Amino acid sequence: MENLTGNPKKQKKVKKEELNTPKELATLLQARNIDTARFEPIGAGFYHLYEDCFNASVICIDRKKFEEGAPYLVKIILEDFTNDEYLAFRKRFEVIINPEYRNYYNLNIANELLQSQIA
């Protein structure tokens, strides 16, 4: 049997508040210690693999490359994206589905990076 301490009503309220807290793309990066001053999130992609497993990526403007005049749109693949994160975000975004072969044809994404590749 599970032992609960504290006021159960208060625990439910906290959980409900957490669920109602607006989520932003920047929070996905900040939770992974990715510099949001350099990588400004402008979009995201979510791909359902199986059951409760999702892949996620955040499309960002790389401010450093932008200032250098180099191609500046990057896609950061989140290697440790969780089902809980997906559930928090799916209510907040408009989903646009396009065929796989189109691959962001009009965004001209210059690089795809794993979050572990960002220093």
PDB file of N, CA and C in Angstrom:
ATOM      1  N   MET A   1       0.835  -1.182   0.000  1.00  0.00           N
ATOM      2  CA  MET A   1       0.000   0.000   0.000  1.00  0.00           C
ATOM      3  C   MET A   1       0.878   1.244   0.000  1.00  0.00           C
ATOM      4  N   GLU A   2       0.469   2.216  -0.759  1.00  0.00           N
ATOM      5  CA  GLU A   2       1.234   3.449  -0.895  1.00  0.00           C
ATOM      6  C   GLU A   2       0.977   4.370   0.297  1.00  0.00           C
ATOM      7  N   ASN A   3       2.025   4.965   0.840  1.00  0.00           N
ATOM      8  CA  ASN A   3       1.910   5.868   1.971  1.00  0.00           C
ATOM      9  C   ASN A   3       2.006   7.307   1.465  1.00  0.00           C
ATOM     10  N   LEU A   4       0.940   8.068   1.651  1.00  0.00           N
ATOM     11  CA  LEU A   4       0.925   9.468   1.236  1.00  0.00           C
ATOM     12  C   LEU A   4       1.054  10.363   2.450  1.00  0.00           C
ATOM     13  N   THR A   5       1.861  11.389   2.331  1.00  0.00           N
ATOM     14  CA  THR A   5       1.968  12.367   3.412  1.00  0.00           C
ATOM     15  C   THR A   5       1.488  13.703   2.892  1.00  0.00           C
ATOM     16  N   GLY A   6       1.063  14.540   3.775  1.00  0.00           N
ATOM     17  CA  GLY A   6       0.588  15.859   3.379  1.00  0.00           C
ATOM     18  C   GLY A   6      -0.887  15.839   3.031  1.00  0.00           C
ATOM     19  N   ASN A   7      -1.358  16.944   2.533  1.00  0.00           N
ATOM     20  CA  ASN A   7      -2.757  17.113   2.187  1.00  0.00           C
ATOM     21  C   ASN A   7      -2.993  16.663   0.745  1.00  0.00           C
ATOM     22  N   PRO A   8      -3.765  15.575   0.529  1.00  0.00           N
ATOM     23  CA  PRO A   8      -3.994  15.090  -0.835  1.00  0.00           C
ATOM     24  C   PRO A   8      -4.640  16.138  -1.739  1.00  0.00           C
ATOM     25  N   LYS A   9      -5.539  16.958  -1.194  1.00  0.00           N
ATOM     26  CA  LYS A   9      -6.176  17.987  -2.016  1.00  0.00           C
ATOM     27  C   LYS A   9      -5.139  18.982  -2.523  1.00  0.00           C
ATOM     28  N   LYS A  10      -4.195  19.335  -1.663  1.00  0.00           N
ATOM     29  CA  LYS A  10      -3.151  20.269  -2.045  1.00  0.00           C
ATOM     30  C   LYS A  10      -2.258  19.660  -3.128  1.00  0.00           C
ATOM     31  N   GLN A  11      -1.949  18.370  -3.007  1.00  0.00           N
ATOM     32  CA  GLN A  11      -1.129  17.702  -4.014  1.00  0.00           C
ATOM     33  C   GLN A  11      -1.828  17.714  -5.368  1.00  0.00           C
ATOM     34  N   LYS A  12      -3.127  17.458  -5.394  1.00  0.00           N
ATOM     35  CA  LYS A  12      -3.870  17.486  -6.648  1.00  0.00           C
ATOM     36  C   LYS A  12      -3.841  18.884  -7.251  1.00  0.00           C
ATOM     37  N   LYS A  13      -3.970  19.904  -6.397  1.00  0.00           N
ATOM     38  CA  LYS A  13      -3.971  21.281  -6.877  1.00  0.00           C
ATOM     39  C   LYS A  13      -2.630  21.627  -7.525  1.00  0.00           C
ATOM     40  N   VAL A  14      -1.544  21.209  -6.900  1.00  0.00           N
ATOM     41  CA  VAL A  14      -0.226  21.489  -7.458  1.00  0.00           C
ATOM     42  C   VAL A  14      -0.086  20.811  -8.808  1.00  0.00           C
ATOM     43  N   LYS A  15      -0.505  19.561  -8.887  1.00  0.00           N
ATOM     44  CA  LYS A  15      -0.399  18.833 -10.146  1.00  0.00           C
ATOM     45  C   LYS A  15      -1.235  19.515 -11.229  1.00  0.00           C
ATOM     46  N   LYS A  16      -2.436  19.938 -10.869  1.00  0.00           N
ATOM     47  CA  LYS A  16      -3.306  20.604 -11.836  1.00  0.00           C
ATOM     48  C   LYS A  16      -2.671  21.912 -12.299  1.00  0.00           C
ATOM     49  N   GLU A  17      -2.056  22.654 -11.384  1.00  0.00           N
ATOM     50  CA  GLU A  17      -1.390  23.902 -11.753  1.00  0.00           C
ATOM     51  C   GLU A  17      -0.231  23.631 -12.701  1.00  0.00           C
ATOM     52  N   GLU A  18       0.518  22.543 -12.452  1.00  0.00           N
ATOM     53  CA  GLU A  18       1.631  22.207 -13.332  1.00  0.00           C
ATOM     54  C   GLU A  18       1.129  21.905 -14.733  1.00  0.00           C
ATOM     55  N   LEU A  19       0.005  21.200 -14.818  1.00  0.00           N
ATOM     56  CA  LEU A  19      -0.548  20.859 -16.122  1.00  0.00           C
ATOM     57  C   LEU A  19      -1.056  22.094 -16.851  1.00  0.00           C
ATOM     58  N   ASN A  20      -1.502  23.089 -16.111  1.00  0.00           N
ATOM     59  CA  ASN A  20      -2.041  24.300 -16.727  1.00  0.00           C
ATOM     60  C   ASN A  20      -0.981  25.372 -16.979  1.00  0.00           C
ATOM     61  N   THR A  21       0.250  25.115 -16.541  1.00  0.00           N
ATOM     62  CA  THR A  21       1.317  26.074 -16.769  1.00  0.00           C
ATOM     63  C   THR A  21       1.670  26.084 -18.252  1.00  0.00           C
ATOM     64  N   PRO A  22       1.644  27.249 -18.888  1.00  0.00           N
ATOM     65  CA  PRO A  22       1.976  27.301 -20.313  1.00  0.00           C
ATOM     66  C   PRO A  22       3.401  26.807 -20.563  1.00  0.00           C
ATOM     67  N   LYS A  23       3.553  25.986 -21.562  1.00  0.00           N
ATOM     68  CA  LYS A  23       4.874  25.481 -21.936  1.00  0.00           C
ATOM     69  C   LYS A  23       5.321  26.208 -23.190  1.00  0.00           C
ATOM     70  N   GLU A  24       6.570  26.506 -23.256  1.00  0.00           N
ATOM     71  CA  GLU A  24       7.133  27.168 -24.416  1.00  0.00           C
ATOM     72  C   GLU A  24       8.292  26.330 -24.931  1.00  0.00           C
ATOM     73  N   LEU A  25       8.620  26.534 -26.179  1.00  0.00           N
ATOM     74  CA  LEU A  25       9.733  25.790 -26.761  1.00  0.00           C
ATOM     75  C   LEU A  25      11.037  26.054 -26.019  1.00  0.00           C
ATOM     76  N   ALA A  26      11.209  27.264 -25.543  1.00  0.00           N
ATOM     77  CA  ALA A  26      12.447  27.598 -24.838  1.00  0.00           C
ATOM     78  C   ALA A  26      12.646  26.714 -23.614  1.00  0.00           C
ATOM     79  N   THR A  27      11.562  26.294 -22.971  1.00  0.00           N
ATOM     80  CA  THR A  27      11.709  25.453 -21.779  1.00  0.00           C
ATOM     81  C   THR A  27      12.312  24.099 -22.126  1.00  0.00           C
ATOM     82  N   LEU A  28      12.045  23.593 -23.332  1.00  0.00           N
ATOM     83  CA  LEU A  28      12.665  22.331 -23.751  1.00  0.00           C
ATOM     84  C   LEU A  28      14.180  22.478 -23.832  1.00  0.00           C
ATOM     85  N   LEU A  29      14.630  23.614 -24.320  1.00  0.00           N
ATOM     86  CA  LEU A  29      16.067  23.851 -24.435  1.00  0.00           C
ATOM     87  C   LEU A  29      16.692  24.166 -23.084  1.00  0.00           C
ATOM     88  N   GLN A  30      16.034  25.002 -22.301  1.00  0.00           N
ATOM     89  CA  GLN A  30      16.568  25.386 -20.994  1.00  0.00           C
ATOM     90  C   GLN A  30      16.711  24.182 -20.072  1.00  0.00           C
ATOM     91  N   ALA A  31      15.777  23.246 -20.140  1.00  0.00           N
ATOM     92  CA  ALA A  31      15.840  22.046 -19.299  1.00  0.00           C
ATOM     93  C   ALA A  31      17.059  21.191 -19.637  1.00  0.00           C
ATOM     94  N   ARG A  32      17.603  21.386 -20.818  1.00  0.00           N
ATOM     95  CA  ARG A  32      18.759  20.617 -21.264  1.00  0.00           C
ATOM     96  C   ARG A  32      20.036  21.466 -21.295  1.00  0.00           C
ATOM     97  N   ASN A  33      19.998  22.615 -20.633  1.00  0.00           N
ATOM     98  CA  ASN A  33      21.142  23.532 -20.547  1.00  0.00           C
ATOM     99  C   ASN A  33      21.656  23.974 -21.912  1.00  0.00           C
ATOM    100  N   ILE A  34      20.735  24.177 -22.848  1.00  0.00           N
ATOM    101  CA  ILE A  34      21.086  24.707 -24.161  1.00  0.00           C
ATOM    102  C   ILE A  34      20.859  26.216 -24.116  1.00  0.00           C
ATOM    103  N   ASP A  35      21.843  26.965 -24.544  1.00  0.00           N
ATOM    104  CA  ASP A  35      21.835  28.426 -24.467  1.00  0.00           C
ATOM    105  C   ASP A  35      20.754  29.014 -25.376  1.00  0.00           C
ATOM    106  N   THR A  36      19.667  29.505 -24.769  1.00  0.00           N
ATOM    107  CA  THR A  36      18.565  30.074 -25.552  1.00  0.00           C
ATOM    108  C   THR A  36      18.874  31.497 -26.034  1.00  0.00           C
ATOM    109  N   ALA A  37      19.940  32.097 -25.521  1.00  0.00           N
ATOM    110  CA  ALA A  37      20.368  33.388 -26.061  1.00  0.00           C
ATOM    111  C   ALA A  37      21.015  33.174 -27.430  1.00  0.00           C
ATOM    112  N   ARG A  38      21.653  32.020 -27.605  1.00  0.00           N
ATOM    113  CA  ARG A  38      22.248  31.696 -28.910  1.00  0.00           C
ATOM    114  C   ARG A  38      21.241  30.990 -29.820  1.00  0.00           C
ATOM    115  N   PHE A  39      20.541  29.990 -29.288  1.00  0.00           N
ATOM    116  CA  PHE A  39      19.599  29.207 -30.081  1.00  0.00           C
ATOM    117  C   PHE A  39      18.178  29.653 -29.765  1.00  0.00           C
ATOM    118  N   GLU A  40      17.592  30.441 -30.658  1.00  0.00           N
ATOM    119  CA  GLU A  40      16.237  30.951 -30.462  1.00  0.00           C
ATOM    120  C   GLU A  40      15.241  29.998 -31.125  1.00  0.00           C
ATOM    121  N   PRO A  41      14.389  29.339 -30.322  1.00  0.00           N
ATOM    122  CA  PRO A  41      13.449  28.373 -30.896  1.00  0.00           C
ATOM    123  C   PRO A  41      12.336  29.052 -31.690  1.00  0.00           C
ATOM    124  N   ILE A  42      12.059  28.501 -32.890  1.00  0.00           N
ATOM    125  CA  ILE A  42      10.996  29.054 -33.733  1.00  0.00           C
ATOM    126  C   ILE A  42       9.998  27.988 -34.177  1.00  0.00           C
ATOM    127  N   GLY A  43      10.291  26.730 -33.900  1.00  0.00           N
ATOM    128  CA  GLY A  43       9.386  25.657 -34.309  1.00  0.00           C
ATOM    129  C   GLY A  43       9.810  24.341 -33.688  1.00  0.00           C
ATOM    130  N   ALA A  44       8.982  23.324 -33.876  1.00  0.00           N
ATOM    131  CA  ALA A  44       9.292  22.017 -33.301  1.00  0.00           C
ATOM    132  C   ALA A  44       8.719  20.920 -34.171  1.00  0.00           C
ATOM    133  N   GLY A  45       9.278  19.746 -34.002  1.00  0.00           N
ATOM    134  CA  GLY A  45       8.761  18.564 -34.675  1.00  0.00           C
ATOM    135  C   GLY A  45       8.642  17.433 -33.674  1.00  0.00           C
ATOM    136  N   PHE A  46       7.546  16.704 -33.749  1.00  0.00           N
ATOM    137  CA  PHE A  46       7.325  15.558 -32.865  1.00  0.00           C
ATOM    138  C   PHE A  46       6.985  14.354 -33.726  1.00  0.00           C
ATOM    139  N   TYR A  47       7.609  13.225 -33.447  1.00  0.00           N
ATOM    140  CA  TYR A  47       7.367  12.013 -34.212  1.00  0.00           C
ATOM    141  C   TYR A  47       7.081  10.880 -33.243  1.00  0.00           C
ATOM    142  N   HIS A  48       5.927  10.252 -33.396  1.00  0.00           N
ATOM    143  CA  HIS A  48       5.517   9.154 -32.520  1.00  0.00           C
ATOM    144  C   HIS A  48       6.135   7.863 -33.024  1.00  0.00           C
ATOM    145  N   LEU A  49       6.962   7.241 -32.200  1.00  0.00           N
ATOM    146  CA  LEU A  49       7.611   5.993 -32.592  1.00  0.00           C
ATOM    147  C   LEU A  49       6.727   4.792 -32.288  1.00  0.00           C
ATOM    148  N   TYR A  50       6.419   4.601 -31.013  1.00  0.00           N
ATOM    149  CA  TYR A  50       5.569   3.500 -30.577  1.00  0.00           C
ATOM    150  C   TYR A  50       5.120   3.781 -29.153  1.00  0.00           C
ATOM    151  N   GLU A  51       3.979   3.238 -28.787  1.00  0.00           N
ATOM    152  CA  GLU A  51       3.364   3.406 -27.464  1.00  0.00           C
ATOM    153  C   GLU A  51       3.595   4.799 -26.897  1.00  0.00           C
ATOM    154  N   ASP A  52       4.460   4.923 -25.893  1.00  0.00           N
ATOM    155  CA  ASP A  52       4.685   6.230 -25.266  1.00  0.00           C
ATOM    156  C   ASP A  52       6.088   6.761 -25.572  1.00  0.00           C
ATOM    157  N   CYS A  53       6.580   6.466 -26.751  1.00  0.00           N
ATOM    158  CA  CYS A  53       7.915   6.912 -27.139  1.00  0.00           C
ATOM    159  C   CYS A  53       7.816   7.906 -28.300  1.00  0.00           C
ATOM    160  N   PHE A  54       8.392   9.074 -28.106  1.00  0.00           N
ATOM    161  CA  PHE A  54       8.353  10.132 -29.107  1.00  0.00           C
ATOM    162  C   PHE A  54       9.761  10.643 -29.390  1.00  0.00           C
ATOM    163  N   ASN A  55       9.995  11.029 -30.611  1.00  0.00           N
ATOM    164  CA  ASN A  55      11.189  11.794 -30.960  1.00  0.00           C
ATOM    165  C   ASN A  55      10.760  13.245 -31.060  1.00  0.00           C
ATOM    166  N   ALA A  56      11.646  14.133 -30.688  1.00  0.00           N
ATOM    167  CA  ALA A  56      11.323  15.555 -30.773  1.00  0.00           C
ATOM    168  C   ALA A  56      12.548  16.324 -31.240  1.00  0.00           C
ATOM    169  N   SER A  57      12.280  17.403 -31.941  1.00  0.00           N
ATOM    170  CA  SER A  57      13.349  18.305 -32.357  1.00  0.00           C
ATOM    171  C   SER A  57      12.820  19.731 -32.258  1.00  0.00           C
ATOM    172  N   VAL A  58      13.737  20.656 -32.069  1.00  0.00           N
ATOM    173  CA  VAL A  58      13.385  22.072 -31.990  1.00  0.00           C
ATOM    174  C   VAL A  58      14.149  22.798 -33.095  1.00  0.00           C
ATOM    175  N   ILE A  59      13.421  23.525 -33.921  1.00  0.00           N
ATOM    176  CA  ILE A  59      14.031  24.304 -34.997  1.00  0.00           C
ATOM    177  C   ILE A  59      14.385  25.672 -34.414  1.00  0.00           C
ATOM    178  N   CYS A  60      15.646  26.066 -34.592  1.00  0.00           N
ATOM    179  CA  CYS A  60      16.141  27.292 -33.952  1.00  0.00           C
ATOM    180  C   CYS A  60      16.898  28.176 -34.932  1.00  0.00           C
ATOM    181  N   ILE A  61      16.937  29.453 -34.581  1.00  0.00           N
ATOM    182  CA  ILE A  61      17.847  30.390 -35.230  1.00  0.00           C
ATOM    183  C   ILE A  61      19.128  30.371 -34.408  1.00  0.00           C
ATOM    184  N   ASP A  62      20.241  30.048 -35.045  1.00  0.00           N
ATOM    185  CA  ASP A  62      21.547  30.096 -34.385  1.00  0.00           C
ATOM    186  C   ASP A  62      22.050  31.532 -34.516  1.00  0.00           C
ATOM    187  N   ARG A  63      21.928  32.300 -33.439  1.00  0.00           N
ATOM    188  CA  ARG A  63      22.274  33.731 -33.461  1.00  0.00           C
ATOM    189  C   ARG A  63      23.732  33.971 -33.858  1.00  0.00           C
ATOM    190  N   LYS A  64      24.626  33.093 -33.428  1.00  0.00           N
ATOM    191  CA  LYS A  64      26.047  33.254 -33.756  1.00  0.00           C
ATOM    192  C   LYS A  64      26.253  33.159 -35.269  1.00  0.00           C
ATOM    193  N   LYS A  65      25.661  32.141 -35.892  1.00  0.00           N
ATOM    194  CA  LYS A  65      25.799  31.981 -37.343  1.00  0.00           C
ATOM    195  C   LYS A  65      25.068  33.101 -38.088  1.00  0.00           C
ATOM    196  N   PHE A  66      23.938  33.534 -37.536  1.00  0.00           N
ATOM    197  CA  PHE A  66      23.182  34.635 -38.141  1.00  0.00           C
ATOM    198  C   PHE A  66      24.041  35.893 -38.221  1.00  0.00           C
ATOM    199  N   GLU A  67      24.734  36.214 -37.121  1.00  0.00           N
ATOM    200  CA  GLU A  67      25.588  37.402 -37.079  1.00  0.00           C
ATOM    201  C   GLU A  67      26.785  37.283 -38.015  1.00  0.00           C
ATOM    202  N   GLU A  68      27.233  36.034 -38.258  1.00  0.00           N
ATOM    203  CA  GLU A  68      28.363  35.806 -39.165  1.00  0.00           C
ATOM    204  C   GLU A  68      27.931  35.807 -40.628  1.00  0.00           C
ATOM    205  N   GLY A  69      26.629  35.808 -40.868  1.00  0.00           N
ATOM    206  CA  GLY A  69      26.118  35.772 -42.232  1.00  0.00           C
ATOM    207  C   GLY A  69      26.072  34.372 -42.827  1.00  0.00           C
ATOM    208  N   ALA A  70      26.256  33.364 -41.998  1.00  0.00           N
ATOM    209  CA  ALA A  70      26.220  31.963 -42.446  1.00  0.00           C
ATOM    210  C   ALA A  70      24.784  31.441 -42.367  1.00  0.00           C
ATOM    211  N   PRO A  71      24.485  30.311 -43.052  1.00  0.00           N
ATOM    212  CA  PRO A  71      23.150  29.707 -42.894  1.00  0.00           C
ATOM    213  C   PRO A  71      22.881  29.454 -41.406  1.00  0.00           C
ATOM    214  N   TYR A  72      21.753  29.916 -40.915  1.00  0.00           N
ATOM    215  CA  TYR A  72      21.551  30.008 -39.475  1.00  0.00           C
ATOM    216  C   TYR A  72      20.419  29.168 -38.901  1.00  0.00           C
ATOM    217  N   LEU A  73      19.622  28.503 -39.702  1.00  0.00           N
ATOM    218  CA  LEU A  73      18.560  27.668 -39.145  1.00  0.00           C
ATOM    219  C   LEU A  73      19.107  26.286 -38.830  1.00  0.00           C
ATOM    220  N   VAL A  74      18.892  25.838 -37.605  1.00  0.00           N
ATOM    221  CA  VAL A  74      19.346  24.516 -37.178  1.00  0.00           C
ATOM    222  C   VAL A  74      18.186  23.749 -36.551  1.00  0.00           C
ATOM    223  N   LYS A  75      18.283  22.449 -36.634  1.00  0.00           N
ATOM    224  CA  LYS A  75      17.296  21.569 -36.015  1.00  0.00           C
ATOM    225  C   LYS A  75      18.024  20.802 -34.924  1.00  0.00           C
ATOM    226  N   ILE A  76      17.623  21.027 -33.669  1.00  0.00           N
ATOM    227  CA  ILE A  76      18.252  20.353 -32.535  1.00  0.00           C
ATOM    228  C   ILE A  76      17.384  19.161 -32.155  1.00  0.00           C
ATOM    229  N   ILE A  77      17.951  17.969 -32.254  1.00  0.00           N
ATOM    230  CA  ILE A  77      17.228  16.741 -31.934  1.00  0.00           C
ATOM    231  C   ILE A  77      17.383  16.470 -30.442  1.00  0.00           C
ATOM    232  N   LEU A  78      16.269  16.366 -29.744  1.00  0.00           N
ATOM    233  CA  LEU A  78      16.284  16.132 -28.297  1.00  0.00           C
ATOM    234  C   LEU A  78      16.382  14.632 -28.047  1.00  0.00           C
ATOM    235  N   GLU A  79      17.503  14.216 -27.496  1.00  0.00           N
ATOM    236  CA  GLU A  79      17.781  12.795 -27.328  1.00  0.00           C
ATOM    237  C   GLU A  79      17.061  12.172 -26.141  1.00  0.00           C
ATOM    238  N   ASP A  80      16.630  12.987 -25.208  1.00  0.00           N
ATOM    239  CA  ASP A  80      16.018  12.449 -23.987  1.00  0.00           C
ATOM    240  C   ASP A  80      14.592  12.959 -23.790  1.00  0.00           C
ATOM    241  N   PHE A  81      13.877  13.193 -24.873  1.00  0.00           N
ATOM    242  CA  PHE A  81      12.508  13.703 -24.817  1.00  0.00           C
ATOM    243  C   PHE A  81      11.593  12.651 -24.194  1.00  0.00           C
ATOM    244  N   THR A  82      10.733  13.069 -23.265  1.00  0.00           N
ATOM    245  CA  THR A  82       9.888  12.119 -22.537  1.00  0.00           C
ATOM    246  C   THR A  82       8.425  12.222 -22.952  1.00  0.00           C
ATOM    247  N   ASN A  83       7.687  11.190 -22.632  1.00  0.00           N
ATOM    248  CA  ASN A  83       6.251  11.174 -22.893  1.00  0.00           C
ATOM    249  C   ASN A  83       5.553  12.296 -22.119  1.00  0.00           C
ATOM    250  N   ASP A  84       5.965  12.541 -20.883  1.00  0.00           N
ATOM    251  CA  ASP A  84       5.361  13.616 -20.082  1.00  0.00           C
ATOM    252  C   ASP A  84       5.549  14.975 -20.758  1.00  0.00           C
ATOM    253  N   GLU A  85       6.726  15.196 -21.326  1.00  0.00           N
ATOM    254  CA  GLU A  85       6.957  16.453 -22.039  1.00  0.00           C
ATOM    255  C   GLU A  85       6.038  16.553 -23.250  1.00  0.00           C
ATOM    256  N   TYR A  86       5.889  15.451 -23.968  1.00  0.00           N
ATOM    257  CA  TYR A  86       5.005  15.461 -25.133  1.00  0.00           C
ATOM    258  C   TYR A  86       3.577  15.799 -24.724  1.00  0.00           C
ATOM    259  N   LEU A  87       3.094  15.178 -23.653  1.00  0.00           N
ATOM    260  CA  LEU A  87       1.724  15.426 -23.204  1.00  0.00           C
ATOM    261  C   LEU A  87       1.526  16.883 -22.801  1.00  0.00           C
ATOM    262  N   ALA A  88       2.546  17.498 -22.216  1.00  0.00           N
ATOM    263  CA  ALA A  88       2.450  18.907 -21.821  1.00  0.00           C
ATOM    264  C   ALA A  88       2.422  19.827 -23.041  1.00  0.00           C
ATOM    265  N   PHE A  89       3.110  19.445 -24.101  1.00  0.00           N
ATOM    266  CA  PHE A  89       3.213  20.308 -25.277  1.00  0.00           C
ATOM    267  C   PHE A  89       2.121  20.091 -26.302  1.00  0.00           C
ATOM    268  N   ARG A  90       1.591  18.890 -26.408  1.00  0.00           N
ATOM    269  CA  ARG A  90       0.668  18.599 -27.513  1.00  0.00           C
ATOM    270  C   ARG A  90      -0.599  19.430 -27.467  1.00  0.00           C
ATOM    271  N   LYS A  91      -0.971  19.910 -26.295  1.00  0.00           N
ATOM    272  CA  LYS A  91      -2.174  20.733 -26.168  1.00  0.00           C
ATOM    273  C   LYS A  91      -1.917  22.178 -26.583  1.00  0.00           C
ATOM    274  N   ARG A  92      -0.672  22.548 -26.730  1.00  0.00           N
ATOM    275  CA  ARG A  92      -0.309  23.949 -26.935  1.00  0.00           C
ATOM    276  C   ARG A  92       0.055  24.308 -28.376  1.00  0.00           C
ATOM    277  N   PHE A  93       0.195  23.298 -29.245  1.00  0.00           N
ATOM    278  CA  PHE A  93       0.702  23.577 -30.575  1.00  0.00           C
ATOM    279  C   PHE A  93      -0.279  23.206 -31.661  1.00  0.00           C
ATOM    280  N   GLU A  94      -0.189  23.931 -32.740  1.00  0.00           N
ATOM    281  CA  GLU A  94      -0.880  23.562 -33.969  1.00  0.00           C
ATOM    282  C   GLU A  94       0.013  22.542 -34.670  1.00  0.00           C
ATOM    283  N   VAL A  95      -0.569  21.475 -35.132  1.00  0.00           N
ATOM    284  CA  VAL A  95       0.200  20.435 -35.803  1.00  0.00           C
ATOM    285  C   VAL A  95       0.023  20.580 -37.309  1.00  0.00           C
ATOM    286  N   ILE A  96       1.129  20.658 -38.012  1.00  0.00           N
ATOM    287  CA  ILE A  96       1.114  20.730 -39.466  1.00  0.00           C
ATOM    288  C   ILE A  96       1.808  19.478 -39.976  1.00  0.00           C
ATOM    289  N   ILE A  97       1.089  18.688 -40.740  1.00  0.00           N
ATOM    290  CA  ILE A  97       1.643  17.437 -41.243  1.00  0.00           C
ATOM    291  C   ILE A  97       2.009  17.629 -42.709  1.00  0.00           C
ATOM    292  N   ASN A  98       3.221  17.206 -43.043  1.00  0.00           N
ATOM    293  CA  ASN A  98       3.636  17.254 -44.438  1.00  0.00           C
ATOM    294  C   ASN A  98       4.304  15.933 -44.788  1.00  0.00           C
ATOM    295  N   PRO A  99       4.345  15.602 -46.077  1.00  0.00           N
ATOM    296  CA  PRO A  99       4.984  14.354 -46.478  1.00  0.00           C
ATOM    297  C   PRO A  99       6.457  14.338 -46.083  1.00  0.00           C
ATOM    298  N   GLU A 100       6.947  13.165 -45.756  1.00  0.00           N
ATOM    299  CA  GLU A 100       8.325  13.023 -45.295  1.00  0.00           C
ATOM    300  C   GLU A 100       9.333  13.531 -46.329  1.00  0.00           C
ATOM    301  N   TYR A 101       9.052  13.327 -47.595  1.00  0.00           N
ATOM    302  CA  TYR A 101      10.013  13.705 -48.632  1.00  0.00           C
ATOM    303  C   TYR A 101      10.164  15.210 -48.800  1.00  0.00           C
ATOM    304  N   ARG A 102       9.274  16.015 -48.224  1.00  0.00           N
ATOM    305  CA  ARG A 102       9.364  17.476 -48.394  1.00  0.00           C
ATOM    306  C   ARG A 102      10.407  18.093 -47.470  1.00  0.00           C
ATOM    307  N   ASN A 103      10.632  17.522 -46.313  1.00  0.00           N
ATOM    308  CA  ASN A 103      11.728  17.879 -45.408  1.00  0.00           C
ATOM    309  C   ASN A 103      11.973  19.382 -45.253  1.00  0.00           C
ATOM    310  N   TYR A 104      10.983  20.104 -44.791  1.00  0.00           N
ATOM    311  CA  TYR A 104      11.108  21.536 -44.503  1.00  0.00           C
ATOM    312  C   TYR A 104      11.618  22.306 -45.723  1.00  0.00           C
ATOM    313  N   TYR A 105      11.071  22.017 -46.863  1.00  0.00           N
ATOM    314  CA  TYR A 105      11.582  22.536 -48.130  1.00  0.00           C
ATOM    315  C   TYR A 105      11.740  24.050 -48.168  1.00  0.00           C
ATOM    316  N   ASN A 106      10.908  24.790 -47.469  1.00  0.00           N
ATOM    317  CA  ASN A 106      11.028  26.245 -47.561  1.00  0.00           C
ATOM    318  C   ASN A 106      11.689  26.876 -46.340  1.00  0.00           C
ATOM    319  N   LEU A 107      12.223  26.087 -45.435  1.00  0.00           N
ATOM    320  CA  LEU A 107      12.924  26.649 -44.280  1.00  0.00           C
ATOM    321  C   LEU A 107      14.433  26.724 -44.489  1.00  0.00           C
ATOM    322  N   ASN A 108      14.968  25.894 -45.368  1.00  0.00           N
ATOM    323  CA  ASN A 108      16.415  25.862 -45.620  1.00  0.00           C
ATOM    324  C   ASN A 108      17.215  25.650 -44.341  1.00  0.00           C
ATOM    325  N   ILE A 109      16.877  24.625 -43.601  1.00  0.00           N
ATOM    326  CA  ILE A 109      17.608  24.301 -42.376  1.00  0.00           C
ATOM    327  C   ILE A 109      19.023  23.893 -42.752  1.00  0.00           C
ATOM    328  N   ALA A 110      20.006  24.557 -42.165  1.00  0.00           N
ATOM    329  CA  ALA A 110      21.403  24.348 -42.527  1.00  0.00           C
ATOM    330  C   ALA A 110      22.011  23.129 -41.837  1.00  0.00           C
ATOM    331  N   ASN A 111      21.658  22.877 -40.586  1.00  0.00           N
ATOM    332  CA  ASN A 111      22.277  21.799 -39.812  1.00  0.00           C
ATOM    333  C   ASN A 111      21.256  21.069 -38.970  1.00  0.00           C
ATOM    334  N   GLU A 112      21.547  19.796 -38.723  1.00  0.00           N
ATOM    335  CA  GLU A 112      20.814  19.027 -37.722  1.00  0.00           C
ATOM    336  C   GLU A 112      21.826  18.633 -36.663  1.00  0.00           C
ATOM    337  N   LEU A 113      21.546  18.981 -35.416  1.00  0.00           N
ATOM    338  CA  LEU A 113      22.455  18.706 -34.313  1.00  0.00           C
ATOM    339  C   LEU A 113      21.754  17.871 -33.257  1.00  0.00           C
ATOM    340  N   LEU A 114      22.477  16.945 -32.654  1.00  0.00           N
ATOM    341  CA  LEU A 114      21.979  16.278 -31.459  1.00  0.00           C
ATOM    342  C   LEU A 114      22.236  17.218 -30.297  1.00  0.00           C
ATOM    343  N   GLN A 115      21.379  17.176 -29.291  1.00  0.00           N
ATOM    344  CA  GLN A 115      21.580  18.085 -28.159  1.00  0.00           C
ATOM    345  C   GLN A 115      22.944  17.864 -27.525  1.00  0.00           C
ATOM    346  N   SER A 116      23.473  16.646 -27.579  1.00  0.00           N
ATOM    347  CA  SER A 116      24.775  16.354 -26.979  1.00  0.00           C
ATOM    348  C   SER A 116      25.937  16.966 -27.774  1.00  0.00           C
ATOM    349  N   GLN A 117      25.685  17.425 -28.995  1.00  0.00           N
ATOM    350  CA  GLN A 117      26.727  18.049 -29.805  1.00  0.00           C
ATOM    351  C   GLN A 117      26.880  19.540 -29.519  1.00  0.00           C
ATOM    352  N   ILE A 118      25.966  20.108 -28.756  1.00  0.00           N
ATOM    353  CA  ILE A 118      26.009  21.543 -28.483  1.00  0.00           C
ATOM    354  C   ILE A 118      26.867  21.789 -27.260  1.00  0.00           C
ATOM    355  N   ALA A 119      27.883  22.614 -27.435  1.00  0.00           N
ATOM    356  CA  ALA A 119      28.808  22.884 -26.324  1.00  0.00           C
ATOM    357  C   ALA A 119      28.263  23.943 -25.414  1.00  0.00           C
TER     358      ALA A 119
END
